PDB file of N, CA and C in Angstrom:
ATOM      1  N   MET A   1       1.926 -11.734  13.425  1.00  0.00           N
ATOM      2  CA  MET A   1       1.712 -12.006  11.709  1.00  0.00           C
ATOM      3  C   MET A   1       1.927 -12.772  11.242  1.00  0.00           C
ATOM      4  N   GLN A   2       3.394 -12.351  10.880  1.00  0.00           N
ATOM      5  CA  GLN A   2       3.600 -12.468   9.202  1.00  0.00           C
ATOM      6  C   GLN A   2       3.708 -14.148   9.012  1.00  0.00           C
ATOM      7  N   LYS A   3       3.577 -14.463  10.532  1.00  0.00           N
ATOM      8  CA  LYS A   3       4.244 -16.092  10.166  1.00  0.00           C
ATOM      9  C   LYS A   3       2.133 -17.030  10.328  1.00  0.00           C
ATOM     10  N   GLN A   4       2.099 -16.721  10.371  1.00  0.00           N
ATOM     11  CA  GLN A   4       0.026 -17.277  10.695  1.00  0.00           C
ATOM     12  C   GLN A   4      -0.054 -16.111   9.528  1.00  0.00           C
ATOM     13  N   ALA A   5      -0.197 -15.303   8.275  1.00  0.00           N
ATOM     14  CA  ALA A   5      -0.637 -14.751   7.623  1.00  0.00           C
ATOM     15  C   ALA A   5       0.135 -14.765   6.377  1.00  0.00           C
ATOM     16  N   ALA A   6       1.361 -15.742   5.937  1.00  0.00           N
ATOM     17  CA  ALA A   6       2.164 -15.565   5.216  1.00  0.00           C
ATOM     18  C   ALA A   6       1.362 -15.444   3.767  1.00  0.00           C
ATOM     19  N   ARG A   7       0.607 -16.711   3.464  1.00  0.00           N
ATOM     20  CA  ARG A   7       0.411 -16.353   2.120  1.00  0.00           C
ATOM     21  C   ARG A   7      -0.587 -15.227   1.436  1.00  0.00           C
ATOM     22  N   GLU A   8      -2.080 -14.338   2.533  1.00  0.00           N
ATOM     23  CA  GLU A   8      -2.636 -13.376   2.912  1.00  0.00           C
ATOM     24  C   GLU A   8      -1.429 -12.260   2.924  1.00  0.00           C
ATOM     25  N   ILE A   9      -0.094 -11.756   3.116  1.00  0.00           N
ATOM     26  CA  ILE A   9       1.149 -10.709   3.042  1.00  0.00           C
ATOM     27  C   ILE A   9       1.614 -11.147   1.860  1.00  0.00           C
ATOM     28  N   VAL A  10       1.648 -11.994   1.614  1.00  0.00           N
ATOM     29  CA  VAL A  10       2.292 -12.341  -0.183  1.00  0.00           C
ATOM     30  C   VAL A  10       1.480 -11.580  -0.986  1.00  0.00           C
ATOM     31  N   CYS A  11      -0.244 -11.600  -0.635  1.00  0.00           N
ATOM     32  CA  CYS A  11      -1.510 -11.018  -1.675  1.00  0.00           C
ATOM     33  C   CYS A  11      -0.794  -9.752  -1.822  1.00  0.00           C
ATOM     34  N   LEU A  12      -1.071  -8.540  -0.646  1.00  0.00           N
ATOM     35  CA  LEU A  12      -0.425  -7.811   0.084  1.00  0.00           C
ATOM     36  C   LEU A  12       0.685  -6.622  -0.675  1.00  0.00           C
ATOM     37  N   GLN A  13       1.958  -7.783  -0.765  1.00  0.00           N
ATOM     38  CA  GLN A  13       2.336  -7.886  -1.505  1.00  0.00           C
ATOM     39  C   GLN A  13       2.383  -7.514  -3.296  1.00  0.00           C
ATOM     40  N   ARG A  14       2.121  -7.936  -3.379  1.00  0.00           N
ATOM     41  CA  ARG A  14       1.808  -8.482  -4.552  1.00  0.00           C
ATOM     42  C   ARG A  14       0.807  -7.269  -5.877  1.00  0.00           C
ATOM     43  N   ALA A  15      -0.279  -7.006  -4.569  1.00  0.00           N
ATOM     44  CA  ALA A  15      -1.106  -5.567  -4.979  1.00  0.00           C
ATOM     45  C   ALA A  15      -0.218  -4.724  -5.285  1.00  0.00           C
ATOM     46  N   LEU A  16       0.856  -4.481  -3.596  1.00  0.00           N
ATOM     47  CA  LEU A  16       0.793  -3.650  -4.084  1.00  0.00           C
ATOM     48  C   LEU A  16       2.305  -3.040  -5.340  1.00  0.00           C
ATOM     49  N   GLU A  17       3.080  -4.005  -5.126  1.00  0.00           N
ATOM     50  CA  GLU A  17       3.507  -4.372  -6.164  1.00  0.00           C
ATOM     51  C   GLU A  17       3.410  -3.629  -8.202  1.00  0.00           C
ATOM     52  N   ASN A  18       1.616  -3.943  -8.327  1.00  0.00           N
ATOM     53  CA  ASN A  18       1.283  -4.470  -9.215  1.00  0.00           C
ATOM     54  C   ASN A  18       0.006  -3.629  -9.095  1.00  0.00           C
ATOM     55  N   GLY A  19       0.086  -2.246  -8.320  1.00  0.00           N
ATOM     56  CA  GLY A  19      -0.569  -1.479  -8.176  1.00  0.00           C
ATOM     57  C   GLY A  19      -1.628  -1.469  -8.169  1.00  0.00           C
ATOM     58  N   GLU A  20      -2.555  -2.780  -7.890  1.00  0.00           N
ATOM     59  CA  GLU A  20      -3.815  -3.082  -7.648  1.00  0.00           C
ATOM     60  C   GLU A  20      -4.281  -2.951  -6.251  1.00  0.00           C
ATOM     61  N   SER A  21      -6.080  -3.423  -5.952  1.00  0.00           N
ATOM     62  CA  SER A  21      -6.361  -3.078  -4.658  1.00  0.00           C
ATOM     63  C   SER A  21      -6.507  -4.222  -3.700  1.00  0.00           C
ATOM     64  N   ALA A  22      -6.382  -4.260  -2.728  1.00  0.00           N
ATOM     65  CA  ALA A  22      -6.511  -5.472  -1.439  1.00  0.00           C
ATOM     66  C   ALA A  22      -7.052  -5.503  -0.297  1.00  0.00           C
ATOM     67  N   GLU A  23      -7.699  -6.315   0.483  1.00  0.00           N
ATOM     68  CA  GLU A  23      -7.773  -6.076   1.614  1.00  0.00           C
ATOM     69  C   GLU A  23      -7.350  -7.956   2.843  1.00  0.00           C
ATOM     70  N   LEU A  24      -7.103  -7.004   3.689  1.00  0.00           N
ATOM     71  CA  LEU A  24      -7.128  -9.011   4.772  1.00  0.00           C
ATOM     72  C   LEU A  24      -7.528  -8.434   6.109  1.00  0.00           C
ATOM     73  N   LYS A  25      -7.760  -8.991   7.036  1.00  0.00           N
ATOM     74  CA  LYS A  25      -8.629  -8.583   8.143  1.00  0.00           C
ATOM     75  C   LYS A  25      -7.719 -10.033   8.916  1.00  0.00           C
ATOM     76  N   VAL A  26      -7.160  -9.295   9.674  1.00  0.00           N
ATOM     77  CA  VAL A  26      -6.578 -10.567  11.537  1.00  0.00           C
ATOM     78  C   VAL A  26      -7.292 -10.014  12.588  1.00  0.00           C
ATOM     79  N   THR A  27      -7.325 -11.073  13.082  1.00  0.00           N
ATOM     80  CA  THR A  27      -8.819 -10.995  14.052  1.00  0.00           C
ATOM     81  C   THR A  27      -6.481 -11.913  15.275  1.00  0.00           C
ATOM     82  N   TYR A  28      -6.859 -10.953  16.948  1.00  0.00           N
ATOM     83  CA  TYR A  28      -5.846 -11.775  17.094  1.00  0.00           C
ATOM     84  C   TYR A  28      -6.135 -11.152  19.002  1.00  0.00           C
ATOM     85  N   PRO A  29      -6.382 -12.526  20.107  1.00  0.00           N
ATOM     86  CA  PRO A  29      -6.207 -11.716  20.692  1.00  0.00           C
ATOM     87  C   PRO A  29      -5.951 -10.826  22.026  1.00  0.00           C
ATOM     88  N   THR A  30      -5.825 -10.013  23.083  1.00  0.00           N
ATOM     89  CA  THR A  30      -5.067  -8.757  23.833  1.00  0.00           C
ATOM     90  C   THR A  30      -4.468 -10.064  25.289  1.00  0.00           C
ATOM     91  N   VAL A  31      -3.400  -9.654  26.084  1.00  0.00           N
ATOM     92  CA  VAL A  31      -3.461 -10.790  26.998  1.00  0.00           C
ATOM     93  C   VAL A  31      -4.934 -10.983  27.723  1.00  0.00           C
ATOM     94  N   GLU A  32      -5.467 -10.764  27.993  1.00  0.00           N
ATOM     95  CA  GLU A  32      -6.895 -10.739  28.398  1.00  0.00           C
ATOM     96  C   GLU A  32      -7.671 -11.984  27.763  1.00  0.00           C
ATOM     97  N   GLY A  33      -7.352 -12.279  26.827  1.00  0.00           N
ATOM     98  CA  GLY A  33      -7.936 -13.027  25.875  1.00  0.00           C
ATOM     99  C   GLY A  33      -9.369 -12.430  24.794  1.00  0.00           C
ATOM    100  N   ASP A  34      -9.082 -10.877  24.952  1.00  0.00           N
ATOM    101  CA  ASP A  34     -10.516  -9.714  24.277  1.00  0.00           C
ATOM    102  C   ASP A  34     -10.260  -9.838  23.005  1.00  0.00           C
ATOM    103  N   PRO A  35     -10.614 -10.524  21.947  1.00  0.00           N
ATOM    104  CA  PRO A  35     -10.064 -10.195  20.148  1.00  0.00           C
ATOM    105  C   PRO A  35      -9.521  -8.585  19.872  1.00  0.00           C
ATOM    106  N   ILE A  36      -9.167  -8.573  18.770  1.00  0.00           N
ATOM    107  CA  ILE A  36      -8.568  -7.309  18.064  1.00  0.00           C
ATOM    108  C   ILE A  36      -8.786  -7.720  17.086  1.00  0.00           C
ATOM    109  N   ARG A  37      -9.730  -6.795  17.155  1.00  0.00           N
ATOM    110  CA  ARG A  37     -10.088  -6.886  14.622  1.00  0.00           C
ATOM    111  C   ARG A  37      -9.029  -5.739  13.530  1.00  0.00           C
ATOM    112  N   GLU A  38      -8.266  -6.651  13.142  1.00  0.00           N
ATOM    113  CA  GLU A  38      -7.482  -4.755  12.335  1.00  0.00           C
ATOM    114  C   GLU A  38      -7.258  -5.190  10.179  1.00  0.00           C
ATOM    115  N   TYR A  39      -8.686  -4.446   9.891  1.00  0.00           N
ATOM    116  CA  TYR A  39      -9.069  -4.650   8.445  1.00  0.00           C
ATOM    117  C   TYR A  39      -7.592  -3.978   8.148  1.00  0.00           C
ATOM    118  N   TYR A  40      -6.399  -4.221   6.887  1.00  0.00           N
ATOM    119  CA  TYR A  40      -5.600  -3.873   6.159  1.00  0.00           C
ATOM    120  C   TYR A  40      -6.182  -3.598   4.578  1.00  0.00           C
ATOM    121  N   ARG A  41      -6.211  -2.199   4.406  1.00  0.00           N
ATOM    122  CA  ARG A  41      -7.020  -2.136   2.723  1.00  0.00           C
ATOM    123  C   ARG A  41      -5.746  -1.410   2.228  1.00  0.00           C
ATOM    124  N   LEU A  42      -5.443  -1.956   1.647  1.00  0.00           N
ATOM    125  CA  LEU A  42      -4.546  -1.646   0.156  1.00  0.00           C
ATOM    126  C   LEU A  42      -5.078  -1.114  -1.559  1.00  0.00           C
ATOM    127  N   THR A  43      -5.396   0.294  -1.903  1.00  0.00           N
ATOM    128  CA  THR A  43      -5.489   1.341  -2.063  1.00  0.00           C
ATOM    129  C   THR A  43      -4.921   0.829  -3.821  1.00  0.00           C
ATOM    130  N   PRO A  44      -4.817   0.943  -4.565  1.00  0.00           N
ATOM    131  CA  PRO A  44      -5.102   1.683  -6.354  1.00  0.00           C
ATOM    132  C   PRO A  44      -4.061   2.145  -5.783  1.00  0.00           C
ATOM    133  N   GLN A  45      -3.968   3.517  -5.090  1.00  0.00           N
ATOM    134  CA  GLN A  45      -1.973   4.365  -5.575  1.00  0.00           C
ATOM    135  C   GLN A  45      -1.122   4.011  -4.182  1.00  0.00           C
ATOM    136  N   GLY A  46      -1.301   2.947  -4.217  1.00  0.00           N
ATOM    137  CA  GLY A  46      -0.554   2.749  -3.134  1.00  0.00           C
ATOM    138  C   GLY A  46      -0.484   3.252  -1.167  1.00  0.00           C
ATOM    139  N   ARG A  47      -2.071   3.425  -0.449  1.00  0.00           N
ATOM    140  CA  ARG A  47      -1.735   3.721   0.385  1.00  0.00           C
ATOM    141  C   ARG A  47      -2.346   2.620   0.982  1.00  0.00           C
ATOM    142  N   LEU A  48      -1.956   2.968   2.356  1.00  0.00           N
ATOM    143  CA  LEU A  48      -2.612   1.228   3.628  1.00  0.00           C
ATOM    144  C   LEU A  48      -3.287   1.948   4.561  1.00  0.00           C
ATOM    145  N   GLU A  49      -4.308   1.598   4.329  1.00  0.00           N
ATOM    146  CA  GLU A  49      -5.421   1.902   5.849  1.00  0.00           C
ATOM    147  C   GLU A  49      -4.867   1.198   6.608  1.00  0.00           C
ATOM    148  N   VAL A  50      -5.147   1.226   7.547  1.00  0.00           N
ATOM    149  CA  VAL A  50      -5.062   0.012   8.544  1.00  0.00           C
ATOM    150  C   VAL A  50      -6.784   0.378   9.668  1.00  0.00           C
ATOM    151  N   TYR A  51      -7.821   0.256   9.641  1.00  0.00           N
ATOM    152  CA  TYR A  51      -8.582  -0.144  10.819  1.00  0.00           C
ATOM    153  C   TYR A  51      -8.513  -0.595  12.188  1.00  0.00           C
ATOM    154  N   THR A  52      -8.783  -0.426  13.220  1.00  0.00           N
ATOM    155  CA  THR A  52      -8.839  -1.518  13.974  1.00  0.00           C
ATOM    156  C   THR A  52      -9.497  -1.042  15.308  1.00  0.00           C
ATOM    157  N   ASP A  53     -10.361  -1.813  14.908  1.00  0.00           N
ATOM    158  CA  ASP A  53     -11.841  -3.048  16.545  1.00  0.00           C
ATOM    159  C   ASP A  53     -11.621  -3.156  17.885  1.00  0.00           C
ATOM    160  N   SER A  54     -11.739  -1.780  17.998  1.00  0.00           N
ATOM    161  CA  SER A  54     -11.019  -2.884  19.782  1.00  0.00           C
ATOM    162  C   SER A  54     -12.555  -2.569  20.828  1.00  0.00           C
ATOM    163  N   THR A  55     -13.626  -2.768  20.433  1.00  0.00           N
ATOM    164  CA  THR A  55     -15.278  -2.627  20.662  1.00  0.00           C
ATOM    165  C   THR A  55     -15.136  -3.720  21.908  1.00  0.00           C
ATOM    166  N   ASP A  56     -14.761  -4.720  21.701  1.00  0.00           N
ATOM    167  CA  ASP A  56     -14.891  -6.127  22.628  1.00  0.00           C
ATOM    168  C   ASP A  56     -13.845  -6.243  23.688  1.00  0.00           C
ATOM    169  N   ASP A  57     -12.606  -5.478  23.655  1.00  0.00           N
ATOM    170  CA  ASP A  57     -11.456  -5.140  24.004  1.00  0.00           C
ATOM    171  C   ASP A  57     -12.301  -4.234  25.470  1.00  0.00           C
ATOM    172  N   HIS A  58     -12.404  -5.437  26.695  1.00  0.00           N
ATOM    173  CA  HIS A  58     -12.909  -4.314  27.691  1.00  0.00           C
ATOM    174  C   HIS A  58     -12.626  -3.835  28.831  1.00  0.00           C
ATOM    175  N   TYR A  59     -10.285  -3.872  28.191  1.00  0.00           N
ATOM    176  CA  TYR A  59      -9.693  -3.051  29.164  1.00  0.00           C
ATOM    177  C   TYR A  59      -9.079  -1.658  28.237  1.00  0.00           C
ATOM    178  N   SER A  60      -9.954  -1.545  27.014  1.00  0.00           N
ATOM    179  CA  SER A  60      -9.619  -0.525  25.730  1.00  0.00           C
ATOM    180  C   SER A  60     -10.328   0.293  26.129  1.00  0.00           C
ATOM    181  N   ASP A  61     -10.385   1.576  25.148  1.00  0.00           N
ATOM    182  CA  ASP A  61     -11.286   3.084  24.930  1.00  0.00           C
ATOM    183  C   ASP A  61     -12.763   1.719  23.905  1.00  0.00           C
ATOM    184  N   GLN A  62     -12.394   0.985  24.166  1.00  0.00           N
ATOM    185  CA  GLN A  62     -13.431   0.403  23.418  1.00  0.00           C
ATOM    186  C   GLN A  62     -13.808   0.627  21.997  1.00  0.00           C
ATOM    187  N   LYS A  63     -13.489   1.398  21.219  1.00  0.00           N
ATOM    188  CA  LYS A  63     -13.725   2.413  19.704  1.00  0.00           C
ATOM    189  C   LYS A  63     -12.327   2.102  19.330  1.00  0.00           C
ATOM    190  N   TRP A  64     -13.368   2.371  17.393  1.00  0.00           N
ATOM    191  CA  TRP A  64     -12.483   1.921  16.641  1.00  0.00           C
ATOM    192  C   TRP A  64     -10.772   3.037  15.524  1.00  0.00           C
ATOM    193  N   SER A  65     -10.219   2.608  15.668  1.00  0.00           N
ATOM    194  CA  SER A  65      -8.982   3.729  15.247  1.00  0.00           C
ATOM    195  C   SER A  65      -8.865   3.718  13.512  1.00  0.00           C
ATOM    196  N   PHE A  66      -8.133   4.776  13.129  1.00  0.00           N
ATOM    197  CA  PHE A  66      -7.135   4.594  11.586  1.00  0.00           C
ATOM    198  C   PHE A  66      -6.102   4.921  11.821  1.00  0.00           C
ATOM    199  N   ALA A  67      -5.332   4.324  10.917  1.00  0.00           N
ATOM    200  CA  ALA A  67      -4.257   4.556  10.948  1.00  0.00           C
ATOM    201  C   ALA A  67      -4.581   4.927   9.298  1.00  0.00           C
ATOM    202  N   GLU A  68      -3.220   5.192   8.202  1.00  0.00           N
ATOM    203  CA  GLU A  68      -2.850   5.616   7.167  1.00  0.00           C
ATOM    204  C   GLU A  68      -1.078   5.188   6.125  1.00  0.00           C
ATOM    205  N   CYS A  69      -1.084   4.809   5.818  1.00  0.00           N
ATOM    206  CA  CYS A  69       0.455   4.672   5.406  1.00  0.00           C
ATOM    207  C   CYS A  69       0.697   5.456   3.119  1.00  0.00           C
ATOM    208  N   TYR A  70       1.653   5.770   3.621  1.00  0.00           N
ATOM    209  CA  TYR A  70       1.266   6.123   2.570  1.00  0.00           C
ATOM    210  C   TYR A  70       2.653   5.642   1.273  1.00  0.00           C
ATOM    211  N   THR A  71       2.843   5.084   0.824  1.00  0.00           N
ATOM    212  CA  THR A  71       3.702   4.345  -0.409  1.00  0.00           C
ATOM    213  C   THR A  71       4.509   3.992   1.086  1.00  0.00           C
ATOM    214  N   PRO A  72       3.819   2.908   1.037  1.00  0.00           N
ATOM    215  CA  PRO A  72       4.534   1.232   2.214  1.00  0.00           C
ATOM    216  C   PRO A  72       5.448   0.635   0.789  1.00  0.00           C
ATOM    217  N   GLU A  73       7.092   0.659   1.672  1.00  0.00           N
ATOM    218  CA  GLU A  73       7.845  -0.592   0.826  1.00  0.00           C
ATOM    219  C   GLU A  73       7.708  -1.801   0.888  1.00  0.00           C
ATOM    220  N   TRP A  74       7.079  -2.186   1.970  1.00  0.00           N
ATOM    221  CA  TRP A  74       6.995  -3.321   2.872  1.00  0.00           C
ATOM    222  C   TRP A  74       5.646  -3.845   3.181  1.00  0.00           C
ATOM    223  N   LEU A  75       4.719  -4.382   3.537  1.00  0.00           N
ATOM    224  CA  LEU A  75       3.430  -4.252   3.903  1.00  0.00           C
ATOM    225  C   LEU A  75       3.482  -4.801   5.485  1.00  0.00           C
ATOM    226  N   ALA A  76       5.266  -6.384   5.680  1.00  0.00           N
ATOM    227  CA  ALA A  76       5.054  -5.807   7.343  1.00  0.00           C
ATOM    228  C   ALA A  76       5.655  -5.510   8.115  1.00  0.00           C
ATOM    229  N   GLU A  77       5.983  -4.611   7.109  1.00  0.00           N
ATOM    230  CA  GLU A  77       6.460  -3.283   8.693  1.00  0.00           C
ATOM    231  C   GLU A  77       6.505  -1.681   8.661  1.00  0.00           C
ATOM    232  N   VAL A  78       5.139  -1.722   8.171  1.00  0.00           N
ATOM    233  CA  VAL A  78       4.628  -0.190   7.793  1.00  0.00           C
ATOM    234  C   VAL A  78       4.554   0.695   8.775  1.00  0.00           C
ATOM    235  N   SER A  79       4.978   1.708   8.838  1.00  0.00           N
ATOM    236  CA  SER A  79       4.495   2.473  10.361  1.00  0.00           C
ATOM    237  C   SER A  79       3.914   3.135   9.209  1.00  0.00           C
ATOM    238  N   CYS A  80       2.527   3.808  10.238  1.00  0.00           N
ATOM    239  CA  CYS A  80       1.533   4.671  10.164  1.00  0.00           C
ATOM    240  C   CYS A  80       1.276   5.851  11.092  1.00  0.00           C
ATOM    241  N   ASP A  81       0.815   6.898  10.164  1.00  0.00           N
ATOM    242  CA  ASP A  81       0.375   7.806  10.921  1.00  0.00           C
ATOM    243  C   ASP A  81      -0.647   7.707  11.272  1.00  0.00           C
ATOM    244  N   LEU A  82      -1.127   7.832  13.011  1.00  0.00           N
ATOM    245  CA  LEU A  82      -2.389   8.092  13.086  1.00  0.00           C
ATOM    246  C   LEU A  82      -3.031   8.988  13.737  1.00  0.00           C
TER     247      LEU A  82
END
């Protein structure tokens, strides 16, 4: 994701540093070619919420999942609690 969305990641990083909110949607294919969509939402409080939409992945549970990170220091290498 880092190379394909460098400008967008900079936007999220700037929002994190300034205590602002921001959102980013990323779509990528599975090995089989099914789309996975991830939505990254940074809140003004510095929490990162990650929503993953696997509903079109025929080899998964075809559900939504959610993870959140509290006070991430760098958005491209966050470790989230499920």
